[in-house]
Protein backbone atom coordinates (compact mmCIF):
# COMPACT_ATOMS: atom_id res chain seq x y z
CA UNK A 1 0.00 0.00 0.00
CA UNK A 2 1.32 3.38 -0.96
CA UNK A 3 2.05 6.08 1.67
CA UNK A 4 -0.64 8.30 0.18
CA UNK A 5 -3.27 5.55 0.66
CA UNK A 6 -2.21 5.10 4.28
CA UNK A 7 -2.58 8.84 4.94
CA UNK A 8 -6.05 8.75 3.40
CA UNK A 9 -7.22 5.92 5.70
CA UNK A 10 -5.94 7.55 8.93
CA UNK A 11 -7.36 11.05 8.16
CA UNK A 12 -10.06 12.20 10.73
CA UNK A 13 -13.50 11.49 9.35
CA UNK A 14 -15.37 14.48 10.89
CA UNK A 15 -17.51 15.13 13.96
CA UNK A 16 -20.57 13.12 12.89
CA UNK A 17 -18.78 10.38 11.04
CA UNK A 18 -19.38 7.88 13.86
CA UNK A 19 -23.19 8.46 13.91
CA UNK A 20 -25.69 6.74 11.72
CA UNK A 21 -28.75 8.60 10.46
CA UNK A 22 -30.96 6.75 12.95
CA UNK A 23 -28.71 7.74 15.84
CA UNK A 24 -28.79 11.39 14.78
CA UNK A 25 -32.58 11.32 14.61
CA UNK A 26 -32.72 9.81 18.10
CA UNK A 27 -30.48 12.59 19.46
CA UNK A 28 -32.62 15.26 17.79
CA UNK A 29 -35.78 13.66 19.19
CA UNK A 30 -34.28 13.66 22.69
CA UNK A 31 -33.44 17.36 22.36
CA UNK A 32 -37.02 18.15 21.39
CA UNK A 33 -38.34 16.11 24.31
CA UNK A 34 -36.11 18.00 26.74
CA UNK A 35 -37.24 21.32 25.29
CA UNK A 36 -40.88 20.27 25.59
CA UNK A 37 -40.28 19.50 29.27
CA UNK A 38 -38.39 22.75 29.82
CA UNK A 39 -40.86 25.22 28.26
CA UNK A 40 -43.70 24.62 30.78
CA UNK A 41 -41.23 25.08 33.64
CA UNK A 42 -40.04 28.36 32.14
CA UNK A 43 -43.64 29.48 31.68
CA UNK A 44 -44.35 28.77 35.34
CA UNK A 45 -41.29 30.75 36.40
CA UNK A 46 -42.36 33.71 34.23
CA UNK A 47 -45.90 33.58 35.61
CA UNK A 48 -44.55 33.49 39.17
CA UNK A 49 -42.63 36.68 38.39
CA UNK A 50 -45.69 38.34 36.86
CA UNK A 51 -47.84 37.30 39.83
CA UNK A 52 -45.28 38.79 42.23
CA UNK A 53 -45.27 42.06 40.26
CA UNK A 54 -49.06 42.10 40.33
CA UNK A 55 -49.03 41.59 44.10
CA UNK A 56 -46.54 44.44 44.47
CA UNK A 57 -48.82 46.77 42.52
CA UNK A 58 -51.79 45.82 44.68
CA UNK A 59 -49.70 46.48 47.78
CA UNK A 60 -49.10 50.00 46.47
CA UNK A 61 -52.86 50.40 46.00
CA UNK A 62 -53.50 49.11 49.54
CA UNK A 63 -51.07 51.62 51.06
CA UNK A 64 -52.57 54.44 48.98
CA UNK A 65 -56.11 53.49 50.03
CA UNK A 66 -55.04 53.35 53.67
CA UNK A 67 -53.92 57.00 53.35
CA UNK A 68 -57.05 57.94 51.41
CA UNK A 69 -59.42 56.44 53.97
CA UNK A 70 -57.55 58.16 56.80
CA UNK A 71 -58.21 61.52 55.14
CA UNK A 72 -61.85 60.67 54.40
CA UNK A 73 -62.56 59.57 57.98
CA UNK A 74 -65.23 58.94 59.19
CA UNK A 75 -66.93 58.69 55.79
CA UNK A 76 -66.03 56.39 52.94
CA UNK A 77 -64.47 57.87 49.78
CA UNK A 78 -67.08 58.94 47.24
CA UNK A 79 -66.67 57.17 43.91
CA UNK A 80 -69.13 59.44 42.11
CA UNK A 81 -72.29 58.51 40.28
CA UNK A 82 -71.58 54.81 39.67
CA UNK A 83 -70.43 52.63 42.55
CA UNK A 84 -69.28 50.03 40.05
CA UNK A 85 -67.08 52.42 38.08
CA UNK A 86 -63.70 50.81 38.77
CA UNK A 87 -61.90 53.47 36.74
CA UNK A 88 -63.33 56.26 38.86
CA UNK A 89 -62.24 54.49 42.03
CA UNK A 90 -58.77 53.99 40.58
CA UNK A 91 -58.42 57.63 39.58
CA UNK A 92 -59.29 58.76 43.11
CA UNK A 93 -56.22 56.92 44.41
CA UNK A 94 -53.75 58.64 42.08
CA UNK A 95 -52.98 61.56 44.45
CA UNK A 96 -51.84 58.97 47.02
CA UNK A 97 -49.73 57.11 44.43
CA UNK A 98 -47.76 60.16 43.26
CA UNK A 99 -49.43 59.69 39.88
CA UNK A 100 -48.02 56.18 39.38
CA UNK A 101 -50.28 54.73 36.67
CA UNK A 102 -48.28 51.46 36.55
CA UNK A 103 -49.84 50.48 39.88
CA UNK A 104 -53.08 49.66 38.03
CA UNK A 105 -51.39 47.19 35.67
CA UNK A 106 -51.24 43.42 36.16
CA UNK A 107 -48.60 41.86 33.85
CA UNK A 108 -50.64 38.64 33.63
CA UNK A 109 -53.81 40.47 32.65
CA UNK A 110 -54.42 41.61 29.06
CA UNK A 111 -56.96 44.00 30.56
CA UNK A 112 -60.60 44.70 29.84
CA UNK A 113 -60.72 48.10 28.18
CA UNK A 114 -64.19 49.30 29.09
CA UNK A 115 -65.21 52.98 28.89
CA UNK A 116 -66.04 54.94 32.02
CA UNK A 117 -69.44 54.30 33.57
CA UNK A 118 -71.01 51.26 35.24
CA UNK A 119 -68.35 48.53 35.32
CA UNK A 120 -65.97 50.79 33.39
CA UNK A 121 -62.23 50.25 33.75
CA UNK A 122 -61.00 53.48 32.16
CA UNK A 123 -59.52 55.87 34.70
CA UNK A 124 -61.65 58.99 35.04
CA UNK A 125 -59.76 61.90 33.50
CA UNK A 126 -57.13 59.66 31.88
CA UNK A 127 -58.32 58.60 28.40
CA UNK A 128 -56.78 55.35 27.24
CA UNK A 129 -55.58 54.33 30.72
CA UNK A 130 -57.34 51.34 32.28
CA UNK A 131 -57.22 49.46 35.56
CA UNK A 132 -56.73 45.70 35.63
CA UNK A 133 -58.21 45.58 39.13
CA UNK A 134 -61.76 45.78 40.37
CA UNK A 135 -62.47 48.07 43.33
CA UNK A 136 -64.90 46.89 45.97
CA UNK A 137 -68.10 48.88 45.59
CA UNK A 138 -69.09 48.05 49.16
CA UNK A 139 -66.19 50.17 50.45
CA UNK A 140 -67.18 53.45 48.81
CA UNK A 141 -70.05 55.89 48.70
CA UNK A 142 -71.75 56.73 45.44
CA UNK A 143 -74.44 59.09 44.27
CA UNK A 144 -76.47 56.32 42.60
CA UNK A 145 -77.27 54.51 45.86
CA UNK A 146 -78.67 56.75 48.63
CA UNK A 147 -78.26 53.96 51.18
CA UNK A 148 -74.52 54.10 50.57
CA UNK A 149 -74.46 57.58 52.10
CA UNK A 150 -75.15 55.90 55.45
CA UNK A 151 -71.93 53.91 55.21
CA UNK A 152 -69.24 55.06 57.61
CA UNK A 153 -65.78 53.78 58.36
CA UNK A 154 -66.53 53.18 62.09
CA UNK A 155 -68.93 50.45 60.95
CA UNK A 156 -66.03 48.48 59.48
CA UNK A 157 -65.29 45.58 61.80
CA UNK A 158 -61.98 44.28 60.39
CA UNK A 159 -59.96 46.43 57.91
CA UNK A 160 -57.45 43.59 57.49
CA UNK A 161 -60.25 41.48 55.98
CA UNK A 162 -61.75 44.20 53.77
CA UNK A 163 -60.87 43.37 50.15
CA UNK A 164 -60.42 46.80 48.59
CA UNK A 165 -59.09 45.86 45.11
CA UNK A 166 -58.47 42.54 43.38
CA UNK A 167 -57.81 40.89 40.04
CA UNK A 168 -60.52 41.51 37.47
CA UNK A 169 -62.14 39.21 36.59
CA UNK A 170 -61.85 37.30 39.86
CA UNK A 171 -64.51 34.59 39.43
CA UNK A 172 -63.09 31.08 39.15
CA UNK A 173 -65.09 30.37 35.98
CA UNK A 174 -64.43 33.73 34.28
CA UNK A 175 -62.74 33.83 30.90
CA UNK A 176 -59.56 35.88 30.85
CA UNK A 177 -58.81 35.36 34.53
CA UNK A 178 -55.18 36.48 34.96
CA UNK A 179 -53.93 33.88 37.47
CA UNK A 180 -54.56 30.20 38.10
CA UNK A 181 -55.95 28.87 41.39
CA UNK A 182 -56.46 32.24 43.06
CA UNK A 183 -56.29 36.04 42.97
CA UNK A 184 -54.17 38.84 44.38
CA UNK A 185 -56.02 41.15 46.76
CA UNK A 186 -55.32 44.56 48.32
CA UNK A 187 -56.80 45.02 51.79
CA UNK A 188 -57.96 48.16 53.54
CA UNK A 189 -55.39 47.97 56.33
CA UNK A 190 -52.57 48.49 53.80
CA UNK A 191 -51.43 44.92 53.07
CA UNK A 192 -51.85 42.74 49.97
CA UNK A 193 -51.91 38.96 49.76
CA UNK A 194 -52.51 35.98 47.50
CA UNK A 195 -55.99 34.50 48.06
CA UNK A 196 -56.36 30.86 46.92
CA UNK A 197 -59.66 29.83 45.38
CA UNK A 198 -60.58 27.59 48.30
CA UNK A 199 -60.33 30.59 50.66
CA UNK A 200 -62.46 33.02 48.66
CA UNK A 201 -65.89 31.82 49.70
CA UNK A 202 -68.89 32.42 47.49
CA UNK A 203 -68.03 34.56 44.45
CA UNK A 204 -71.20 34.10 42.42
CA UNK A 205 -74.47 35.99 42.55
CA UNK A 206 -76.36 35.94 44.86
CA UNK A 207 -73.44 36.41 47.23
CA UNK A 208 -73.10 34.27 50.30
CA UNK A 209 -72.11 35.76 53.64
CA UNK A 210 -68.68 34.18 53.21
CA UNK A 211 -67.90 36.12 50.01
CA UNK A 212 -64.43 37.61 50.37
CA UNK A 213 -65.52 41.13 49.35
CA UNK A 214 -68.18 41.16 52.08
CA UNK A 215 -65.80 40.31 54.92
CA UNK A 216 -64.78 42.92 57.45
CA UNK A 217 -67.87 45.12 57.09
CA UNK A 218 -71.65 44.72 57.48
CA UNK A 219 -72.88 45.95 54.09
CA UNK A 220 -74.47 43.86 51.38
C-alpha atoms as a PDB file:
ATOM      1  CA  UNK A   1       0.000   0.000   0.000  1.00  0.00           C
ATOM      2  CA  UNK A   2       1.322   3.383  -0.961  1.00  0.00           C
ATOM      3  CA  UNK A   3       2.052   6.079   1.670  1.00  0.00           C
ATOM      4  CA  UNK A   4      -0.639   8.302   0.182  1.00  0.00           C
ATOM      5  CA  UNK A   5      -3.267   5.553   0.657  1.00  0.00           C
ATOM      6  CA  UNK A   6      -2.207   5.102   4.276  1.00  0.00           C
ATOM      7  CA  UNK A   7      -2.579   8.837   4.939  1.00  0.00           C
ATOM      8  CA  UNK A   8      -6.053   8.747   3.396  1.00  0.00           C
ATOM      9  CA  UNK A   9      -7.218   5.918   5.698  1.00  0.00           C
ATOM     10  CA  UNK A  10      -5.938   7.555   8.926  1.00  0.00           C
ATOM     11  CA  UNK A  11      -7.361  11.047   8.161  1.00  0.00           C
ATOM     12  CA  UNK A  12     -10.055  12.200  10.726  1.00  0.00           C
ATOM     13  CA  UNK A  13     -13.504  11.488   9.349  1.00  0.00           C
ATOM     14  CA  UNK A  14     -15.375  14.480  10.888  1.00  0.00           C
ATOM     15  CA  UNK A  15     -17.511  15.133  13.958  1.00  0.00           C
ATOM     16  CA  UNK A  16     -20.568  13.123  12.887  1.00  0.00           C
ATOM     17  CA  UNK A  17     -18.778  10.379  11.036  1.00  0.00           C
ATOM     18  CA  UNK A  18     -19.379   7.880  13.863  1.00  0.00           C
ATOM     19  CA  UNK A  19     -23.190   8.459  13.913  1.00  0.00           C
ATOM     20  CA  UNK A  20     -25.691   6.742  11.721  1.00  0.00           C
ATOM     21  CA  UNK A  21     -28.753   8.603  10.455  1.00  0.00           C
ATOM     22  CA  UNK A  22     -30.958   6.751  12.946  1.00  0.00           C
ATOM     23  CA  UNK A  23     -28.712   7.741  15.838  1.00  0.00           C
ATOM     24  CA  UNK A  24     -28.787  11.392  14.776  1.00  0.00           C
ATOM     25  CA  UNK A  25     -32.584  11.323  14.609  1.00  0.00           C
ATOM     26  CA  UNK A  26     -32.716   9.813  18.104  1.00  0.00           C
ATOM     27  CA  UNK A  27     -30.475  12.589  19.459  1.00  0.00           C
ATOM     28  CA  UNK A  28     -32.620  15.264  17.792  1.00  0.00           C
ATOM     29  CA  UNK A  29     -35.779  13.664  19.186  1.00  0.00           C
ATOM     30  CA  UNK A  30     -34.283  13.656  22.688  1.00  0.00           C
ATOM     31  CA  UNK A  31     -33.439  17.356  22.359  1.00  0.00           C
ATOM     32  CA  UNK A  32     -37.024  18.154  21.386  1.00  0.00           C
ATOM     33  CA  UNK A  33     -38.344  16.115  24.315  1.00  0.00           C
ATOM     34  CA  UNK A  34     -36.111  18.004  26.739  1.00  0.00           C
ATOM     35  CA  UNK A  35     -37.238  21.323  25.289  1.00  0.00           C
ATOM     36  CA  UNK A  36     -40.884  20.270  25.593  1.00  0.00           C
ATOM     37  CA  UNK A  37     -40.282  19.501  29.274  1.00  0.00           C
ATOM     38  CA  UNK A  38     -38.387  22.752  29.824  1.00  0.00           C
ATOM     39  CA  UNK A  39     -40.856  25.215  28.262  1.00  0.00           C
ATOM     40  CA  UNK A  40     -43.697  24.620  30.780  1.00  0.00           C
ATOM     41  CA  UNK A  41     -41.233  25.077  33.639  1.00  0.00           C
ATOM     42  CA  UNK A  42     -40.038  28.359  32.140  1.00  0.00           C
ATOM     43  CA  UNK A  43     -43.636  29.482  31.678  1.00  0.00           C
ATOM     44  CA  UNK A  44     -44.353  28.767  35.336  1.00  0.00           C
ATOM     45  CA  UNK A  45     -41.286  30.751  36.396  1.00  0.00           C
ATOM     46  CA  UNK A  46     -42.362  33.706  34.234  1.00  0.00           C
ATOM     47  CA  UNK A  47     -45.900  33.576  35.612  1.00  0.00           C
ATOM     48  CA  UNK A  48     -44.549  33.493  39.166  1.00  0.00           C
ATOM     49  CA  UNK A  49     -42.631  36.682  38.394  1.00  0.00           C
ATOM     50  CA  UNK A  50     -45.692  38.344  36.863  1.00  0.00           C
ATOM     51  CA  UNK A  51     -47.837  37.299  39.833  1.00  0.00           C
ATOM     52  CA  UNK A  52     -45.282  38.787  42.230  1.00  0.00           C
ATOM     53  CA  UNK A  53     -45.268  42.058  40.261  1.00  0.00           C
ATOM     54  CA  UNK A  54     -49.062  42.103  40.326  1.00  0.00           C
ATOM     55  CA  UNK A  55     -49.028  41.593  44.098  1.00  0.00           C
ATOM     56  CA  UNK A  56     -46.542  44.439  44.471  1.00  0.00           C
ATOM     57  CA  UNK A  57     -48.821  46.773  42.521  1.00  0.00           C
ATOM     58  CA  UNK A  58     -51.790  45.821  44.684  1.00  0.00           C
ATOM     59  CA  UNK A  59     -49.704  46.475  47.781  1.00  0.00           C
ATOM     60  CA  UNK A  60     -49.102  50.004  46.470  1.00  0.00           C
ATOM     61  CA  UNK A  61     -52.865  50.399  46.002  1.00  0.00           C
ATOM     62  CA  UNK A  62     -53.498  49.109  49.535  1.00  0.00           C
ATOM     63  CA  UNK A  63     -51.075  51.620  51.061  1.00  0.00           C
ATOM     64  CA  UNK A  64     -52.575  54.441  48.977  1.00  0.00           C
ATOM     65  CA  UNK A  65     -56.110  53.491  50.029  1.00  0.00           C
ATOM     66  CA  UNK A  66     -55.040  53.354  53.665  1.00  0.00           C
ATOM     67  CA  UNK A  67     -53.921  56.999  53.345  1.00  0.00           C
ATOM     68  CA  UNK A  68     -57.053  57.944  51.412  1.00  0.00           C
ATOM     69  CA  UNK A  69     -59.419  56.440  53.974  1.00  0.00           C
ATOM     70  CA  UNK A  70     -57.551  58.165  56.804  1.00  0.00           C
ATOM     71  CA  UNK A  71     -58.210  61.524  55.139  1.00  0.00           C
ATOM     72  CA  UNK A  72     -61.854  60.668  54.401  1.00  0.00           C
ATOM     73  CA  UNK A  73     -62.559  59.573  57.978  1.00  0.00           C
ATOM     74  CA  UNK A  74     -65.226  58.940  59.189  1.00  0.00           C
ATOM     75  CA  UNK A  75     -66.930  58.691  55.791  1.00  0.00           C
ATOM     76  CA  UNK A  76     -66.035  56.388  52.936  1.00  0.00           C
ATOM     77  CA  UNK A  77     -64.467  57.869  49.782  1.00  0.00           C
ATOM     78  CA  UNK A  78     -67.077  58.943  47.241  1.00  0.00           C
ATOM     79  CA  UNK A  79     -66.673  57.173  43.910  1.00  0.00           C
ATOM     80  CA  UNK A  80     -69.125  59.439  42.114  1.00  0.00           C
ATOM     81  CA  UNK A  81     -72.286  58.505  40.278  1.00  0.00           C
ATOM     82  CA  UNK A  82     -71.584  54.806  39.665  1.00  0.00           C
ATOM     83  CA  UNK A  83     -70.435  52.627  42.549  1.00  0.00           C
ATOM     84  CA  UNK A  84     -69.281  50.025  40.046  1.00  0.00           C
ATOM     85  CA  UNK A  85     -67.084  52.424  38.076  1.00  0.00           C
ATOM     86  CA  UNK A  86     -63.703  50.815  38.769  1.00  0.00           C
ATOM     87  CA  UNK A  87     -61.898  53.465  36.741  1.00  0.00           C
ATOM     88  CA  UNK A  88     -63.331  56.265  38.862  1.00  0.00           C
ATOM     89  CA  UNK A  89     -62.238  54.492  42.034  1.00  0.00           C
ATOM     90  CA  UNK A  90     -58.766  53.989  40.581  1.00  0.00           C
ATOM     91  CA  UNK A  91     -58.423  57.629  39.580  1.00  0.00           C
ATOM     92  CA  UNK A  92     -59.289  58.760  43.111  1.00  0.00           C
ATOM     93  CA  UNK A  93     -56.217  56.920  44.413  1.00  0.00           C
ATOM     94  CA  UNK A  94     -53.752  58.642  42.077  1.00  0.00           C
ATOM     95  CA  UNK A  95     -52.977  61.558  44.452  1.00  0.00           C
ATOM     96  CA  UNK A  96     -51.845  58.965  47.019  1.00  0.00           C
ATOM     97  CA  UNK A  97     -49.728  57.111  44.432  1.00  0.00           C
ATOM     98  CA  UNK A  98     -47.764  60.156  43.262  1.00  0.00           C
ATOM     99  CA  UNK A  99     -49.428  59.693  39.875  1.00  0.00           C
ATOM    100  CA  UNK A 100     -48.016  56.181  39.383  1.00  0.00           C
ATOM    101  CA  UNK A 101     -50.275  54.726  36.671  1.00  0.00           C
ATOM    102  CA  UNK A 102     -48.280  51.461  36.554  1.00  0.00           C
ATOM    103  CA  UNK A 103     -49.840  50.476  39.877  1.00  0.00           C
ATOM    104  CA  UNK A 104     -53.076  49.658  38.033  1.00  0.00           C
ATOM    105  CA  UNK A 105     -51.392  47.192  35.670  1.00  0.00           C
ATOM    106  CA  UNK A 106     -51.240  43.416  36.160  1.00  0.00           C
ATOM    107  CA  UNK A 107     -48.596  41.857  33.846  1.00  0.00           C
ATOM    108  CA  UNK A 108     -50.642  38.644  33.631  1.00  0.00           C
ATOM    109  CA  UNK A 109     -53.811  40.466  32.651  1.00  0.00           C
ATOM    110  CA  UNK A 110     -54.417  41.612  29.058  1.00  0.00           C
ATOM    111  CA  UNK A 111     -56.960  43.997  30.564  1.00  0.00           C
ATOM    112  CA  UNK A 112     -60.604  44.704  29.836  1.00  0.00           C
ATOM    113  CA  UNK A 113     -60.717  48.103  28.176  1.00  0.00           C
ATOM    114  CA  UNK A 114     -64.194  49.295  29.092  1.00  0.00           C
ATOM    115  CA  UNK A 115     -65.214  52.976  28.895  1.00  0.00           C
ATOM    116  CA  UNK A 116     -66.040  54.937  32.023  1.00  0.00           C
ATOM    117  CA  UNK A 117     -69.441  54.298  33.567  1.00  0.00           C
ATOM    118  CA  UNK A 118     -71.013  51.264  35.239  1.00  0.00           C
ATOM    119  CA  UNK A 119     -68.354  48.533  35.322  1.00  0.00           C
ATOM    120  CA  UNK A 120     -65.969  50.789  33.387  1.00  0.00           C
ATOM    121  CA  UNK A 121     -62.227  50.248  33.753  1.00  0.00           C
ATOM    122  CA  UNK A 122     -60.995  53.482  32.158  1.00  0.00           C
ATOM    123  CA  UNK A 123     -59.519  55.875  34.699  1.00  0.00           C
ATOM    124  CA  UNK A 124     -61.647  58.993  35.043  1.00  0.00           C
ATOM    125  CA  UNK A 125     -59.765  61.902  33.496  1.00  0.00           C
ATOM    126  CA  UNK A 126     -57.126  59.661  31.879  1.00  0.00           C
ATOM    127  CA  UNK A 127     -58.321  58.595  28.400  1.00  0.00           C
ATOM    128  CA  UNK A 128     -56.778  55.350  27.239  1.00  0.00           C
ATOM    129  CA  UNK A 129     -55.583  54.334  30.722  1.00  0.00           C
ATOM    130  CA  UNK A 130     -57.337  51.336  32.279  1.00  0.00           C
ATOM    131  CA  UNK A 131     -57.217  49.461  35.557  1.00  0.00           C
ATOM    132  CA  UNK A 132     -56.730  45.698  35.625  1.00  0.00           C
ATOM    133  CA  UNK A 133     -58.209  45.580  39.127  1.00  0.00           C
ATOM    134  CA  UNK A 134     -61.764  45.785  40.374  1.00  0.00           C
ATOM    135  CA  UNK A 135     -62.465  48.074  43.334  1.00  0.00           C
ATOM    136  CA  UNK A 136     -64.899  46.891  45.971  1.00  0.00           C
ATOM    137  CA  UNK A 137     -68.098  48.880  45.588  1.00  0.00           C
ATOM    138  CA  UNK A 138     -69.094  48.053  49.161  1.00  0.00           C
ATOM    139  CA  UNK A 139     -66.186  50.169  50.446  1.00  0.00           C
ATOM    140  CA  UNK A 140     -67.182  53.453  48.809  1.00  0.00           C
ATOM    141  CA  UNK A 141     -70.045  55.892  48.697  1.00  0.00           C
ATOM    142  CA  UNK A 142     -71.746  56.733  45.438  1.00  0.00           C
ATOM    143  CA  UNK A 143     -74.439  59.087  44.275  1.00  0.00           C
ATOM    144  CA  UNK A 144     -76.472  56.316  42.600  1.00  0.00           C
ATOM    145  CA  UNK A 145     -77.275  54.513  45.863  1.00  0.00           C
ATOM    146  CA  UNK A 146     -78.671  56.751  48.626  1.00  0.00           C
ATOM    147  CA  UNK A 147     -78.258  53.963  51.176  1.00  0.00           C
ATOM    148  CA  UNK A 148     -74.517  54.101  50.574  1.00  0.00           C
ATOM    149  CA  UNK A 149     -74.464  57.585  52.098  1.00  0.00           C
ATOM    150  CA  UNK A 150     -75.149  55.902  55.449  1.00  0.00           C
ATOM    151  CA  UNK A 151     -71.929  53.909  55.209  1.00  0.00           C
ATOM    152  CA  UNK A 152     -69.241  55.060  57.611  1.00  0.00           C
ATOM    153  CA  UNK A 153     -65.784  53.780  58.364  1.00  0.00           C
ATOM    154  CA  UNK A 154     -66.526  53.182  62.088  1.00  0.00           C
ATOM    155  CA  UNK A 155     -68.934  50.452  60.946  1.00  0.00           C
ATOM    156  CA  UNK A 156     -66.034  48.481  59.475  1.00  0.00           C
ATOM    157  CA  UNK A 157     -65.289  45.583  61.803  1.00  0.00           C
ATOM    158  CA  UNK A 158     -61.979  44.283  60.389  1.00  0.00           C
ATOM    159  CA  UNK A 159     -59.965  46.427  57.912  1.00  0.00           C
ATOM    160  CA  UNK A 160     -57.455  43.593  57.490  1.00  0.00           C
ATOM    161  CA  UNK A 161     -60.253  41.475  55.978  1.00  0.00           C
ATOM    162  CA  UNK A 162     -61.753  44.196  53.768  1.00  0.00           C
ATOM    163  CA  UNK A 163     -60.874  43.374  50.151  1.00  0.00           C
ATOM    164  CA  UNK A 164     -60.418  46.796  48.587  1.00  0.00           C
ATOM    165  CA  UNK A 165     -59.087  45.859  45.108  1.00  0.00           C
ATOM    166  CA  UNK A 166     -58.471  42.538  43.384  1.00  0.00           C
ATOM    167  CA  UNK A 167     -57.810  40.892  40.040  1.00  0.00           C
ATOM    168  CA  UNK A 168     -60.520  41.514  37.468  1.00  0.00           C
ATOM    169  CA  UNK A 169     -62.142  39.208  36.587  1.00  0.00           C
ATOM    170  CA  UNK A 170     -61.854  37.297  39.856  1.00  0.00           C
ATOM    171  CA  UNK A 171     -64.512  34.586  39.429  1.00  0.00           C
ATOM    172  CA  UNK A 172     -63.092  31.081  39.147  1.00  0.00           C
ATOM    173  CA  UNK A 173     -65.087  30.369  35.979  1.00  0.00           C
ATOM    174  CA  UNK A 174     -64.432  33.726  34.284  1.00  0.00           C
ATOM    175  CA  UNK A 175     -62.742  33.827  30.897  1.00  0.00           C
ATOM    176  CA  UNK A 176     -59.561  35.878  30.854  1.00  0.00           C
ATOM    177  CA  UNK A 177     -58.807  35.359  34.532  1.00  0.00           C
ATOM    178  CA  UNK A 178     -55.177  36.476  34.957  1.00  0.00           C
ATOM    179  CA  UNK A 179     -53.933  33.884  37.470  1.00  0.00           C
ATOM    180  CA  UNK A 180     -54.558  30.198  38.101  1.00  0.00           C
ATOM    181  CA  UNK A 181     -55.945  28.874  41.394  1.00  0.00           C
ATOM    182  CA  UNK A 182     -56.463  32.244  43.059  1.00  0.00           C
ATOM    183  CA  UNK A 183     -56.294  36.042  42.972  1.00  0.00           C
ATOM    184  CA  UNK A 184     -54.166  38.843  44.383  1.00  0.00           C
ATOM    185  CA  UNK A 185     -56.024  41.148  46.761  1.00  0.00           C
ATOM    186  CA  UNK A 186     -55.316  44.561  48.320  1.00  0.00           C
ATOM    187  CA  UNK A 187     -56.801  45.022  51.792  1.00  0.00           C
ATOM    188  CA  UNK A 188     -57.964  48.158  53.538  1.00  0.00           C
ATOM    189  CA  UNK A 189     -55.385  47.968  56.335  1.00  0.00           C
ATOM    190  CA  UNK A 190     -52.572  48.485  53.799  1.00  0.00           C
ATOM    191  CA  UNK A 191     -51.434  44.924  53.067  1.00  0.00           C
ATOM    192  CA  UNK A 192     -51.851  42.738  49.965  1.00  0.00           C
ATOM    193  CA  UNK A 193     -51.906  38.959  49.756  1.00  0.00           C
ATOM    194  CA  UNK A 194     -52.510  35.979  47.502  1.00  0.00           C
ATOM    195  CA  UNK A 195     -55.986  34.503  48.063  1.00  0.00           C
ATOM    196  CA  UNK A 196     -56.361  30.860  46.924  1.00  0.00           C
ATOM    197  CA  UNK A 197     -59.656  29.832  45.379  1.00  0.00           C
ATOM    198  CA  UNK A 198     -60.575  27.594  48.304  1.00  0.00           C
ATOM    199  CA  UNK A 199     -60.330  30.594  50.663  1.00  0.00           C
ATOM    200  CA  UNK A 200     -62.462  33.019  48.659  1.00  0.00           C
ATOM    201  CA  UNK A 201     -65.886  31.816  49.700  1.00  0.00           C
ATOM    202  CA  UNK A 202     -68.890  32.423  47.487  1.00  0.00           C
ATOM    203  CA  UNK A 203     -68.027  34.563  44.455  1.00  0.00           C
ATOM    204  CA  UNK A 204     -71.198  34.101  42.424  1.00  0.00           C
ATOM    205  CA  UNK A 205     -74.470  35.986  42.546  1.00  0.00           C
ATOM    206  CA  UNK A 206     -76.356  35.937  44.864  1.00  0.00           C
ATOM    207  CA  UNK A 207     -73.441  36.411  47.226  1.00  0.00           C
ATOM    208  CA  UNK A 208     -73.097  34.269  50.304  1.00  0.00           C
ATOM    209  CA  UNK A 209     -72.113  35.765  53.642  1.00  0.00           C
ATOM    210  CA  UNK A 210     -68.677  34.176  53.212  1.00  0.00           C
ATOM    211  CA  UNK A 211     -67.898  36.123  50.012  1.00  0.00           C
ATOM    212  CA  UNK A 212     -64.431  37.611  50.369  1.00  0.00           C
ATOM    213  CA  UNK A 213     -65.525  41.129  49.345  1.00  0.00           C
ATOM    214  CA  UNK A 214     -68.184  41.161  52.085  1.00  0.00           C
ATOM    215  CA  UNK A 215     -65.801  40.306  54.920  1.00  0.00           C
ATOM    216  CA  UNK A 216     -64.784  42.918  57.452  1.00  0.00           C
ATOM    217  CA  UNK A 217     -67.871  45.119  57.093  1.00  0.00           C
ATOM    218  CA  UNK A 218     -71.647  44.725  57.479  1.00  0.00           C
ATOM    219  CA  UNK A 219     -72.877  45.952  54.085  1.00  0.00           C
ATOM    220  CA  UNK A 220     -74.466  43.862  51.382  1.00  0.00           C
END
